[in-house]
Amino acid sequence: MTVLCVTTDYVAGRTVARSLGIVVGCVAWFGSTYAEGVKDLAGNAMSDVGSVYEARRYEALIRMSGNAKRRQANAVLCVRFSVREINATWKELCAYGTAVELEPE
């Protein structure tokens, strides 16, 4: 079963049969621009910085949708991202939304 993840609060042609609660998927990382691959040792920005962050967001979505699937959801509505500093060196990115069971209208 695939879990549909959308940023909207509805899906056209579908209705929410059951709301299964909030689901979250988090990824933590060491907040060094060098360890992240954002800068090289000379302090120059790396050319693929976007892909580093894109991969992190994708991993958070995968974890969130896995949590939704375990609740028997087939969709997650109102998906959002949040980033926070855990401490001076660690950061966390979370994807979160409402797990639901959708059915055709």
PDB file of N, CA and C in Angstrom:
ATOM      1  N   MET A   1       0.850  -1.185   0.000  1.00  0.00           N
ATOM      2  CA  MET A   1       0.000   0.000   0.000  1.00  0.00           C
ATOM      3  C   MET A   1       0.891   1.242   0.000  1.00  0.00           C
ATOM      4  N   THR A   2       0.614   2.146  -0.906  1.00  0.00           N
ATOM      5  CA  THR A   2       1.331   3.406  -0.986  1.00  0.00           C
ATOM      6  C   THR A   2       0.575   4.466  -0.198  1.00  0.00           C
ATOM      7  N   VAL A   3       1.309   5.324   0.486  1.00  0.00           N
ATOM      8  CA  VAL A   3       0.711   6.410   1.252  1.00  0.00           C
ATOM      9  C   VAL A   3       0.879   7.705   0.469  1.00  0.00           C
ATOM     10  N   LEU A   4      -0.229   8.331   0.111  1.00  0.00           N
ATOM     11  CA  LEU A   4      -0.220   9.613  -0.578  1.00  0.00           C
ATOM     12  C   LEU A   4       0.078  10.709   0.439  1.00  0.00           C
ATOM     13  N   CYS A   5       1.033  11.569   0.146  1.00  0.00           N
ATOM     14  CA  CYS A   5       1.383  12.680   1.034  1.00  0.00           C
ATOM     15  C   CYS A   5       1.139  13.976   0.295  1.00  0.00           C
ATOM     16  N   VAL A   6       0.266  14.837   0.842  1.00  0.00           N
ATOM     17  CA  VAL A   6      -0.068  16.110   0.204  1.00  0.00           C
ATOM     18  C   VAL A   6      -0.009  17.244   1.222  1.00  0.00           C
ATOM     19  N   THR A   7       0.216  18.455   0.719  1.00  0.00           N
ATOM     20  CA  THR A   7       0.247  19.620   1.603  1.00  0.00           C
ATOM     21  C   THR A   7      -1.131  20.232   1.780  1.00  0.00           C
ATOM     22  N   THR A   8      -2.107  19.773   1.036  1.00  0.00           N
ATOM     23  CA  THR A   8      -3.475  20.302   1.124  1.00  0.00           C
ATOM     24  C   THR A   8      -4.253  19.580   2.221  1.00  0.00           C
ATOM     25  N   ASP A   9      -5.425  20.124   2.563  1.00  0.00           N
ATOM     26  CA  ASP A   9      -6.251  19.473   3.587  1.00  0.00           C
ATOM     27  C   ASP A   9      -7.344  18.603   2.976  1.00  0.00           C
ATOM     28  N   TYR A  10      -7.289  18.379   1.678  1.00  0.00           N
ATOM     29  CA  TYR A  10      -8.218  17.471   0.999  1.00  0.00           C
ATOM     30  C   TYR A  10      -7.570  16.965  -0.281  1.00  0.00           C
ATOM     31  N   VAL A  11      -8.162  15.913  -0.838  1.00  0.00           N
ATOM     32  CA  VAL A  11      -7.733  15.382  -2.128  1.00  0.00           C
ATOM     33  C   VAL A  11      -8.982  15.340  -2.999  1.00  0.00           C
ATOM     34  N   ALA A  12      -8.919  15.977  -4.154  1.00  0.00           N
ATOM     35  CA  ALA A  12     -10.073  16.045  -5.051  1.00  0.00           C
ATOM     36  C   ALA A  12     -10.571  14.640  -5.391  1.00  0.00           C
ATOM     37  N   GLY A  13     -11.882  14.463  -5.312  1.00  0.00           N
ATOM     38  CA  GLY A  13     -12.496  13.185  -5.643  1.00  0.00           C
ATOM     39  C   GLY A  13     -12.446  12.164  -4.528  1.00  0.00           C
ATOM     40  N   ARG A  14     -11.913  12.546  -3.375  1.00  0.00           N
ATOM     41  CA  ARG A  14     -11.811  11.641  -2.219  1.00  0.00           C
ATOM     42  C   ARG A  14     -12.423  12.300  -0.993  1.00  0.00           C
ATOM     43  N   THR A  15     -12.857  11.477  -0.080  1.00  0.00           N
ATOM     44  CA  THR A  15     -13.374  11.973   1.189  1.00  0.00           C
ATOM     45  C   THR A  15     -12.654  11.252   2.332  1.00  0.00           C
ATOM     46  N   VAL A  16     -12.533  11.909   3.458  1.00  0.00           N
ATOM     47  CA  VAL A  16     -11.859  11.312   4.614  1.00  0.00           C
ATOM     48  C   VAL A  16     -12.832  10.385   5.327  1.00  0.00           C
ATOM     49  N   ALA A  17     -12.522   9.097   5.314  1.00  0.00           N
ATOM     50  CA  ALA A  17     -13.351   8.108   6.008  1.00  0.00           C
ATOM     51  C   ALA A  17     -12.998   8.048   7.490  1.00  0.00           C
ATOM     52  N   ARG A  18     -11.697   8.149   7.787  1.00  0.00           N
ATOM     53  CA  ARG A  18     -11.227   8.125   9.179  1.00  0.00           C
ATOM     54  C   ARG A  18      -9.993   8.987   9.307  1.00  0.00           C
ATOM     55  N   SER A  19      -9.905   9.711  10.410  1.00  0.00           N
ATOM     56  CA  SER A  19      -8.697  10.454  10.759  1.00  0.00           C
ATOM     57  C   SER A  19      -7.955   9.626  11.792  1.00  0.00           C
ATOM     58  N   LEU A  20      -6.682   9.384  11.547  1.00  0.00           N
ATOM     59  CA  LEU A  20      -5.911   8.478  12.390  1.00  0.00           C
ATOM     60  C   LEU A  20      -4.855   9.180  13.228  1.00  0.00           C
ATOM     61  N   GLY A  21      -4.885  10.506  13.237  1.00  0.00           N
ATOM     62  CA  GLY A  21      -3.994  11.265  14.101  1.00  0.00           C
ATOM     63  C   GLY A  21      -2.754  11.788  13.405  1.00  0.00           C
ATOM     64  N   ILE A  22      -1.967  12.505  14.167  1.00  0.00           N
ATOM     65  CA  ILE A  22      -0.738  13.121  13.663  1.00  0.00           C
ATOM     66  C   ILE A  22       0.339  12.057  13.502  1.00  0.00           C
ATOM     67  N   VAL A  23       1.067  12.146  12.392  1.00  0.00           N
ATOM     68  CA  VAL A  23       2.235  11.290  12.181  1.00  0.00           C
ATOM     69  C   VAL A  23       3.442  12.181  11.927  1.00  0.00           C
ATOM     70  N   VAL A  24       4.598  11.692  12.353  1.00  0.00           N
ATOM     71  CA  VAL A  24       5.837  12.467  12.268  1.00  0.00           C
ATOM     72  C   VAL A  24       6.952  11.559  11.760  1.00  0.00           C
ATOM     73  N   GLY A  25       7.847  12.135  10.997  1.00  0.00           N
ATOM     74  CA  GLY A  25       9.071  11.451  10.592  1.00  0.00           C
ATOM     75  C   GLY A  25      10.217  12.422  10.777  1.00  0.00           C
ATOM     76  N   CYS A  26      11.198  12.068  11.591  1.00  0.00           N
ATOM     77  CA  CYS A  26      12.293  12.990  11.912  1.00  0.00           C
ATOM     78  C   CYS A  26      13.649  12.434  11.488  1.00  0.00           C
ATOM     79  N   VAL A  27      14.531  13.348  11.125  1.00  0.00           N
ATOM     80  CA  VAL A  27      15.909  13.028  10.767  1.00  0.00           C
ATOM     81  C   VAL A  27      16.802  14.008  11.522  1.00  0.00           C
ATOM     82  N   ALA A  28      17.760  13.481  12.277  1.00  0.00           N
ATOM     83  CA  ALA A  28      18.710  14.337  12.998  1.00  0.00           C
ATOM     84  C   ALA A  28      20.062  14.252  12.300  1.00  0.00           C
ATOM     85  N   TRP A  29      20.823  15.329  12.363  1.00  0.00           N
ATOM     86  CA  TRP A  29      22.151  15.343  11.751  1.00  0.00           C
ATOM     87  C   TRP A  29      23.074  16.281  12.501  1.00  0.00           C
ATOM     88  N   PHE A  30      24.362  16.000  12.346  1.00  0.00           N
ATOM     89  CA  PHE A  30      25.409  16.818  12.940  1.00  0.00           C
ATOM     90  C   PHE A  30      25.463  18.123  12.153  1.00  0.00           C
ATOM     91  N   GLY A  31      25.327  19.244  12.821  1.00  0.00           N
ATOM     92  CA  GLY A  31      25.166  20.539  12.174  1.00  0.00           C
ATOM     93  C   GLY A  31      26.424  21.205  11.679  1.00  0.00           C
ATOM     94  N   SER A  32      27.410  20.461  11.239  1.00  0.00           N
ATOM     95  CA  SER A  32      28.625  21.043  10.681  1.00  0.00           C
ATOM     96  C   SER A  32      28.461  21.181   9.173  1.00  0.00           C
ATOM     97  N   THR A  33      28.732  22.370   8.641  1.00  0.00           N
ATOM     98  CA  THR A  33      28.615  22.562   7.194  1.00  0.00           C
ATOM     99  C   THR A  33      29.612  21.691   6.438  1.00  0.00           C
ATOM    100  N   TYR A  34      30.704  21.299   7.077  1.00  0.00           N
ATOM    101  CA  TYR A  34      31.693  20.429   6.430  1.00  0.00           C
ATOM    102  C   TYR A  34      31.216  18.981   6.454  1.00  0.00           C
ATOM    103  N   ALA A  35      30.705  18.519   7.614  1.00  0.00           N
ATOM    104  CA  ALA A  35      30.212  17.147   7.719  1.00  0.00           C
ATOM    105  C   ALA A  35      28.988  16.933   6.836  1.00  0.00           C
ATOM    106  N   GLU A  36      28.184  17.969   6.653  1.00  0.00           N
ATOM    107  CA  GLU A  36      26.989  17.871   5.819  1.00  0.00           C
ATOM    108  C   GLU A  36      27.314  17.868   4.335  1.00  0.00           C
ATOM    109  N   GLY A  37      28.520  18.260   3.983  1.00  0.00           N
ATOM    110  CA  GLY A  37      28.871  18.354   2.573  1.00  0.00           C
ATOM    111  C   GLY A  37      28.451  19.660   1.938  1.00  0.00           C
ATOM    112  N   VAL A  38      28.139  20.672   2.766  1.00  0.00           N
ATOM    113  CA  VAL A  38      27.736  21.980   2.261  1.00  0.00           C
ATOM    114  C   VAL A  38      28.948  22.794   1.839  1.00  0.00           C
ATOM    115  N   LYS A  39      30.050  22.637   2.574  1.00  0.00           N
ATOM    116  CA  LYS A  39      31.291  23.345   2.249  1.00  0.00           C
ATOM    117  C   LYS A  39      32.436  22.351   2.207  1.00  0.00           C
ATOM    118  N   ASP A  40      33.424  22.652   1.372  1.00  0.00           N
ATOM    119  CA  ASP A  40      34.627  21.830   1.376  1.00  0.00           C
ATOM    120  C   ASP A  40      35.585  22.385   2.432  1.00  0.00           C
ATOM    121  N   LEU A  41      36.711  21.721   2.606  1.00  0.00           N
ATOM    122  CA  LEU A  41      37.642  22.132   3.666  1.00  0.00           C
ATOM    123  C   LEU A  41      38.236  23.511   3.441  1.00  0.00           C
ATOM    124  N   ALA A  42      38.205  24.004   2.206  1.00  0.00           N
ATOM    125  CA  ALA A  42      38.692  25.356   1.923  1.00  0.00           C
ATOM    126  C   ALA A  42      37.626  26.412   2.210  1.00  0.00           C
ATOM    127  N   GLY A  43      36.416  25.960   2.597  1.00  0.00           N
ATOM    128  CA  GLY A  43      35.339  26.897   2.911  1.00  0.00           C
ATOM    129  C   GLY A  43      34.473  27.274   1.725  1.00  0.00           C
ATOM    130  N   ASN A  44      34.693  26.627   0.589  1.00  0.00           N
ATOM    131  CA  ASN A  44      33.890  26.909  -0.608  1.00  0.00           C
ATOM    132  C   ASN A  44      32.597  26.105  -0.586  1.00  0.00           C
ATOM    133  N   ALA A  45      31.520  26.715  -1.052  1.00  0.00           N
ATOM    134  CA  ALA A  45      30.229  26.030  -1.119  1.00  0.00           C
ATOM    135  C   ALA A  45      30.302  24.900  -2.147  1.00  0.00           C
ATOM    136  N   MET A  46      29.741  23.770  -1.810  1.00  0.00           N
ATOM    137  CA  MET A  46      29.694  22.635  -2.729  1.00  0.00           C
ATOM    138  C   MET A  46      28.573  22.868  -3.736  1.00  0.00           C
ATOM    139  N   SER A  47      28.715  22.327  -4.922  1.00  0.00           N
ATOM    140  CA  SER A  47      27.753  22.575  -5.991  1.00  0.00           C
ATOM    141  C   SER A  47      26.436  21.827  -5.814  1.00  0.00           C
ATOM    142  N   ASP A  48      26.422  20.738  -5.058  1.00  0.00           N
ATOM    143  CA  ASP A  48      25.199  19.943  -4.908  1.00  0.00           C
ATOM    144  C   ASP A  48      24.546  20.109  -3.540  1.00  0.00           C
ATOM    145  N   VAL A  49      24.622  21.295  -2.982  1.00  0.00           N
ATOM    146  CA  VAL A  49      24.047  21.572  -1.664  1.00  0.00           C
ATOM    147  C   VAL A  49      22.561  21.230  -1.637  1.00  0.00           C
ATOM    148  N   GLY A  50      21.853  21.605  -2.685  1.00  0.00           N
ATOM    149  CA  GLY A  50      20.416  21.336  -2.740  1.00  0.00           C
ATOM    150  C   GLY A  50      20.088  19.868  -2.607  1.00  0.00           C
ATOM    151  N   SER A  51      20.893  19.013  -3.193  1.00  0.00           N
ATOM    152  CA  SER A  51      20.608  17.582  -3.120  1.00  0.00           C
ATOM    153  C   SER A  51      20.816  17.033  -1.712  1.00  0.00           C
ATOM    154  N   VAL A  52      21.721  17.616  -0.951  1.00  0.00           N
ATOM    155  CA  VAL A  52      21.924  17.199   0.439  1.00  0.00           C
ATOM    156  C   VAL A  52      20.650  17.435   1.231  1.00  0.00           C
ATOM    157  N   TYR A  53      20.068  18.621   1.104  1.00  0.00           N
ATOM    158  CA  TYR A  53      18.861  18.947   1.853  1.00  0.00           C
ATOM    159  C   TYR A  53      17.634  18.235   1.292  1.00  0.00           C
ATOM    160  N   GLU A  54      17.600  18.058  -0.014  1.00  0.00           N
ATOM    161  CA  GLU A  54      16.489  17.336  -0.627  1.00  0.00           C
ATOM    162  C   GLU A  54      16.448  15.893  -0.137  1.00  0.00           C
ATOM    163  N   ALA A  55      17.599  15.255  -0.031  1.00  0.00           N
ATOM    164  CA  ALA A  55      17.670  13.880   0.463  1.00  0.00           C
ATOM    165  C   ALA A  55      17.201  13.790   1.911  1.00  0.00           C
ATOM    166  N   ARG A  56      17.532  14.791   2.698  1.00  0.00           N
ATOM    167  CA  ARG A  56      17.106  14.814   4.101  1.00  0.00           C
ATOM    168  C   ARG A  56      15.580  14.952   4.204  1.00  0.00           C
ATOM    169  N   ARG A  57      14.997  15.837   3.397  1.00  0.00           N
ATOM    170  CA  ARG A  57      13.535  15.987   3.400  1.00  0.00           C
ATOM    171  C   ARG A  57      12.851  14.706   2.939  1.00  0.00           C
ATOM    172  N   TYR A  58      13.408  14.070   1.912  1.00  0.00           N
ATOM    173  CA  TYR A  58      12.851  12.820   1.404  1.00  0.00           C
ATOM    174  C   TYR A  58      12.879  11.745   2.487  1.00  0.00           C
ATOM    175  N   GLU A  59      13.983  11.635   3.221  1.00  0.00           N
ATOM    176  CA  GLU A  59      14.089  10.650   4.297  1.00  0.00           C
ATOM    177  C   GLU A  59      13.041  10.904   5.381  1.00  0.00           C
ATOM    178  N   ALA A  60      12.816  12.167   5.735  1.00  0.00           N
ATOM    179  CA  ALA A  60      11.785  12.498   6.735  1.00  0.00           C
ATOM    180  C   ALA A  60      10.405  12.088   6.220  1.00  0.00           C
ATOM    181  N   LEU A  61      10.123  12.325   4.931  1.00  0.00           N
ATOM    182  CA  LEU A  61       8.838  11.923   4.346  1.00  0.00           C
ATOM    183  C   LEU A  61       8.673  10.409   4.356  1.00  0.00           C
ATOM    184  N   ILE A  62       9.726   9.680   4.039  1.00  0.00           N
ATOM    185  CA  ILE A  62       9.680   8.212   4.050  1.00  0.00           C
ATOM    186  C   ILE A  62       9.351   7.710   5.454  1.00  0.00           C
ATOM    187  N   ARG A  63      10.001   8.281   6.451  1.00  0.00           N
ATOM    188  CA  ARG A  63       9.736   7.863   7.844  1.00  0.00           C
ATOM    189  C   ARG A  63       8.307   8.208   8.259  1.00  0.00           C
ATOM    190  N   MET A  64       7.837   9.408   7.883  1.00  0.00           N
ATOM    191  CA  MET A  64       6.472   9.812   8.218  1.00  0.00           C
ATOM    192  C   MET A  64       5.453   8.894   7.549  1.00  0.00           C
ATOM    193  N   SER A  65       5.635   8.620   6.262  1.00  0.00           N
ATOM    194  CA  SER A  65       4.673   7.777   5.557  1.00  0.00           C
ATOM    195  C   SER A  65       4.706   6.344   6.087  1.00  0.00           C
ATOM    196  N   GLY A  66       5.867   5.867   6.532  1.00  0.00           N
ATOM    197  CA  GLY A  66       5.936   4.550   7.166  1.00  0.00           C
ATOM    198  C   GLY A  66       5.129   4.509   8.455  1.00  0.00           C
ATOM    199  N   ASN A  67       5.204   5.574   9.243  1.00  0.00           N
ATOM    200  CA  ASN A  67       4.399   5.649  10.470  1.00  0.00           C
ATOM    201  C   ASN A  67       2.909   5.698  10.141  1.00  0.00           C
ATOM    202  N   ALA A  68       2.555   6.390   9.061  1.00  0.00           N
ATOM    203  CA  ALA A  68       1.145   6.451   8.636  1.00  0.00           C
ATOM    204  C   ALA A  68       0.662   5.077   8.184  1.00  0.00           C
ATOM    205  N   LYS A  69       1.495   4.375   7.442  1.00  0.00           N
ATOM    206  CA  LYS A  69       1.133   3.037   6.953  1.00  0.00           C
ATOM    207  C   LYS A  69       0.898   2.079   8.117  1.00  0.00           C
ATOM    208  N   ARG A  70       1.715   2.176   9.170  1.00  0.00           N
ATOM    209  CA  ARG A  70       1.534   1.324  10.351  1.00  0.00           C
ATOM    210  C   ARG A  70       0.200   1.596  11.051  1.00  0.00           C
ATOM    211  N   ARG A  71      -0.352   2.779  10.843  1.00  0.00           N
ATOM    212  CA  ARG A  71      -1.676   3.109  11.401  1.00  0.00           C
ATOM    213  C   ARG A  71      -2.806   2.763  10.433  1.00  0.00           C
ATOM    214  N   GLN A  72      -2.472   2.110   9.337  1.00  0.00           N
ATOM    215  CA  GLN A  72      -3.432   1.714   8.308  1.00  0.00           C
ATOM    216  C   GLN A  72      -3.961   2.904   7.505  1.00  0.00           C
ATOM    217  N   ALA A  73      -3.210   3.992   7.441  1.00  0.00           N
ATOM    218  CA  ALA A  73      -3.597   5.166   6.648  1.00  0.00           C
ATOM    219  C   ALA A  73      -3.206   4.933   5.189  1.00  0.00           C
ATOM    220  N   ASN A  74      -3.952   5.571   4.283  1.00  0.00           N
ATOM    221  CA  ASN A  74      -3.555   5.525   2.880  1.00  0.00           C
ATOM    222  C   ASN A  74      -3.174   6.923   2.376  1.00  0.00           C
ATOM    223  N   ALA A  75      -3.183   7.920   3.301  1.00  0.00           N
ATOM    224  CA  ALA A  75      -2.787   9.273   2.930  1.00  0.00           C
ATOM    225  C   ALA A  75      -2.374  10.058   4.170  1.00  0.00           C
ATOM    226  N   VAL A  76      -1.587  11.099   3.931  1.00  0.00           N
ATOM    227  CA  VAL A  76      -1.244  12.065   4.975  1.00  0.00           C
ATOM    228  C   VAL A  76      -1.574  13.437   4.406  1.00  0.00           C
ATOM    229  N   LEU A  77      -2.456  14.147   5.085  1.00  0.00           N
ATOM    230  CA  LEU A  77      -2.884  15.476   4.664  1.00  0.00           C
ATOM    231  C   LEU A  77      -2.121  16.549   5.432  1.00  0.00           C
ATOM    232  N   CYS A  78      -2.083  17.758   4.874  1.00  0.00           N
ATOM    233  CA  CYS A  78      -1.487  18.930   5.526  1.00  0.00           C
ATOM    234  C   CYS A  78      -0.025  18.700   5.913  1.00  0.00           C
ATOM    235  N   VAL A  79       0.744  18.087   5.027  1.00  0.00           N
ATOM    236  CA  VAL A  79       2.156  17.800   5.315  1.00  0.00           C
ATOM    237  C   VAL A  79       2.946  19.100   5.421  1.00  0.00           C
ATOM    238  N   ARG A  80       3.752  19.189   6.455  1.00  0.00           N
ATOM    239  CA  ARG A  80       4.614  20.343   6.699  1.00  0.00           C
ATOM    240  C   ARG A  80       5.991  19.850   7.126  1.00  0.00           C
ATOM    241  N   PHE A  81       6.958  20.750   7.090  1.00  0.00           N
ATOM    242  CA  PHE A  81       8.313  20.466   7.561  1.00  0.00           C
ATOM    243  C   PHE A  81       8.671  21.442   8.664  1.00  0.00           C
ATOM    244  N   SER A  82       9.476  20.962   9.594  1.00  0.00           N
ATOM    245  CA  SER A  82       9.960  21.800  10.680  1.00  0.00           C
ATOM    246  C   SER A  82      11.430  21.465  10.911  1.00  0.00           C
ATOM    247  N   VAL A  83      12.246  22.500  11.130  1.00  0.00           N
ATOM    248  CA  VAL A  83      13.666  22.308  11.429  1.00  0.00           C
ATOM    249  C   VAL A  83      13.966  22.985  12.757  1.00  0.00           C
ATOM    250  N   ARG A  84      14.729  22.302  13.607  1.00  0.00           N
ATOM    251  CA  ARG A  84      15.102  22.916  14.884  1.00  0.00           C
ATOM    252  C   ARG A  84      16.515  22.512  15.255  1.00  0.00           C
ATOM    253  N   GLU A  85      17.133  23.352  16.061  1.00  0.00           N
ATOM    254  CA  GLU A  85      18.439  23.026  16.624  1.00  0.00           C
ATOM    255  C   GLU A  85      18.221  22.263  17.920  1.00  0.00           C
ATOM    256  N   ILE A  86      18.792  21.078  18.003  1.00  0.00           N
ATOM    257  CA  ILE A  86      18.708  20.289  19.229  1.00  0.00           C
ATOM    258  C   ILE A  86      19.671  20.878  20.258  1.00  0.00           C
ATOM    259  N   ASN A  87      20.883  21.169  19.806  1.00  0.00           N
ATOM    260  CA  ASN A  87      21.884  21.874  20.606  1.00  0.00           C
ATOM    261  C   ASN A  87      22.812  22.581  19.622  1.00  0.00           C
ATOM    262  N   ALA A  88      23.963  23.001  20.079  1.00  0.00           N
ATOM    263  CA  ALA A  88      24.856  23.795  19.225  1.00  0.00           C
ATOM    264  C   ALA A  88      25.374  23.021  18.006  1.00  0.00           C
ATOM    265  N   THR A  89      25.386  21.689  18.066  1.00  0.00           N
ATOM    266  CA  THR A  89      25.946  20.915  16.960  1.00  0.00           C
ATOM    267  C   THR A  89      24.948  20.001  16.244  1.00  0.00           C
ATOM    268  N   TRP A  90      23.822  19.715  16.842  1.00  0.00           N
ATOM    269  CA  TRP A  90      22.857  18.799  16.225  1.00  0.00           C
ATOM    270  C   TRP A  90      21.601  19.534  15.810  1.00  0.00           C
ATOM    271  N   LYS A  91      21.058  19.139  14.645  1.00  0.00           N
ATOM    272  CA  LYS A  91      19.814  19.703  14.131  1.00  0.00           C
ATOM    273  C   LYS A  91      18.851  18.574  13.799  1.00  0.00           C
ATOM    274  N   GLU A  92      17.581  18.928  13.692  1.00  0.00           N
ATOM    275  CA  GLU A  92      16.553  17.933  13.400  1.00  0.00           C
ATOM    276  C   GLU A  92      15.566  18.499  12.392  1.00  0.00           C
ATOM    277  N   LEU A  93      15.221  17.699  11.405  1.00  0.00           N
ATOM    278  CA  LEU A  93      14.185  18.052  10.436  1.00  0.00           C
ATOM    279  C   LEU A  93      13.054  17.054  10.601  1.00  0.00           C
ATOM    280  N   CYS A  94      11.834  17.551  10.730  1.00  0.00           N
ATOM    281  CA  CYS A  94      10.669  16.681  10.871  1.00  0.00           C
ATOM    282  C   CYS A  94       9.659  16.976   9.776  1.00  0.00           C
ATOM    283  N   ALA A  95       9.081  15.921   9.243  1.00  0.00           N
ATOM    284  CA  ALA A  95       7.917  16.024   8.368  1.00  0.00           C
ATOM    285  C   ALA A  95       6.740  15.565   9.219  1.00  0.00           C
ATOM    286  N   TYR A  96       5.628  16.289   9.137  1.00  0.00           N
ATOM    287  CA  TYR A  96       4.472  15.890   9.930  1.00  0.00           C
ATOM    288  C   TYR A  96       3.185  16.227   9.197  1.00  0.00           C
ATOM    289  N   GLY A  97       2.127  15.532   9.574  1.00  0.00           N
ATOM    290  CA  GLY A  97       0.824  15.751   8.965  1.00  0.00           C
ATOM    291  C   GLY A  97      -0.218  14.880   9.638  1.00  0.00           C
ATOM    292  N   THR A  98      -1.420  14.856   9.066  1.00  0.00           N
ATOM    293  CA  THR A  98      -2.523  14.079   9.626  1.00  0.00           C
ATOM    294  C   THR A  98      -2.731  12.813   8.790  1.00  0.00           C
ATOM    295  N   ALA A  99      -2.575  11.672   9.422  1.00  0.00           N
ATOM    296  CA  ALA A  99      -2.806  10.386   8.756  1.00  0.00           C
ATOM    297  C   ALA A  99      -4.311  10.165   8.639  1.00  0.00           C
ATOM    298  N   VAL A 100      -4.718   9.788   7.436  1.00  0.00           N
ATOM    299  CA  VAL A 100      -6.157   9.559   7.185  1.00  0.00           C
ATOM    300  C   VAL A 100      -6.352   8.346   6.311  1.00  0.00           C
ATOM    301  N   GLU A 101      -7.588   7.841   6.333  1.00  0.00           N
ATOM    302  CA  GLU A 101      -8.015   6.835   5.380  1.00  0.00           C
ATOM    303  C   GLU A 101      -8.957   7.546   4.402  1.00  0.00           C
ATOM    304  N   LEU A 102      -8.555   7.606   3.141  1.00  0.00           N
ATOM    305  CA  LEU A 102      -9.371   8.239   2.112  1.00  0.00           C
ATOM    306  C   LEU A 102     -10.165   7.175   1.356  1.00  0.00           C
ATOM    307  N   GLU A 103     -11.340   7.578   0.913  1.00  0.00           N
ATOM    308  CA  GLU A 103     -12.133   6.696   0.039  1.00  0.00           C
ATOM    309  C   GLU A 103     -12.747   7.552  -1.066  1.00  0.00           C
ATOM    310  N   PRO A 104     -13.104   6.927  -2.191  1.00  0.00           N
ATOM    311  CA  PRO A 104     -13.718   7.701  -3.274  1.00  0.00           C
ATOM    312  C   PRO A 104     -15.021   8.359  -2.831  1.00  0.00           C
ATOM    313  N   GLU A 105     -15.317   9.529  -3.419  1.00  0.00           N
ATOM    314  CA  GLU A 105     -16.566  10.225  -3.072  1.00  0.00           C
ATOM    315  C   GLU A 105     -17.759   9.453  -3.593  1.00  0.00           C
TER     316      GLU A 105
END
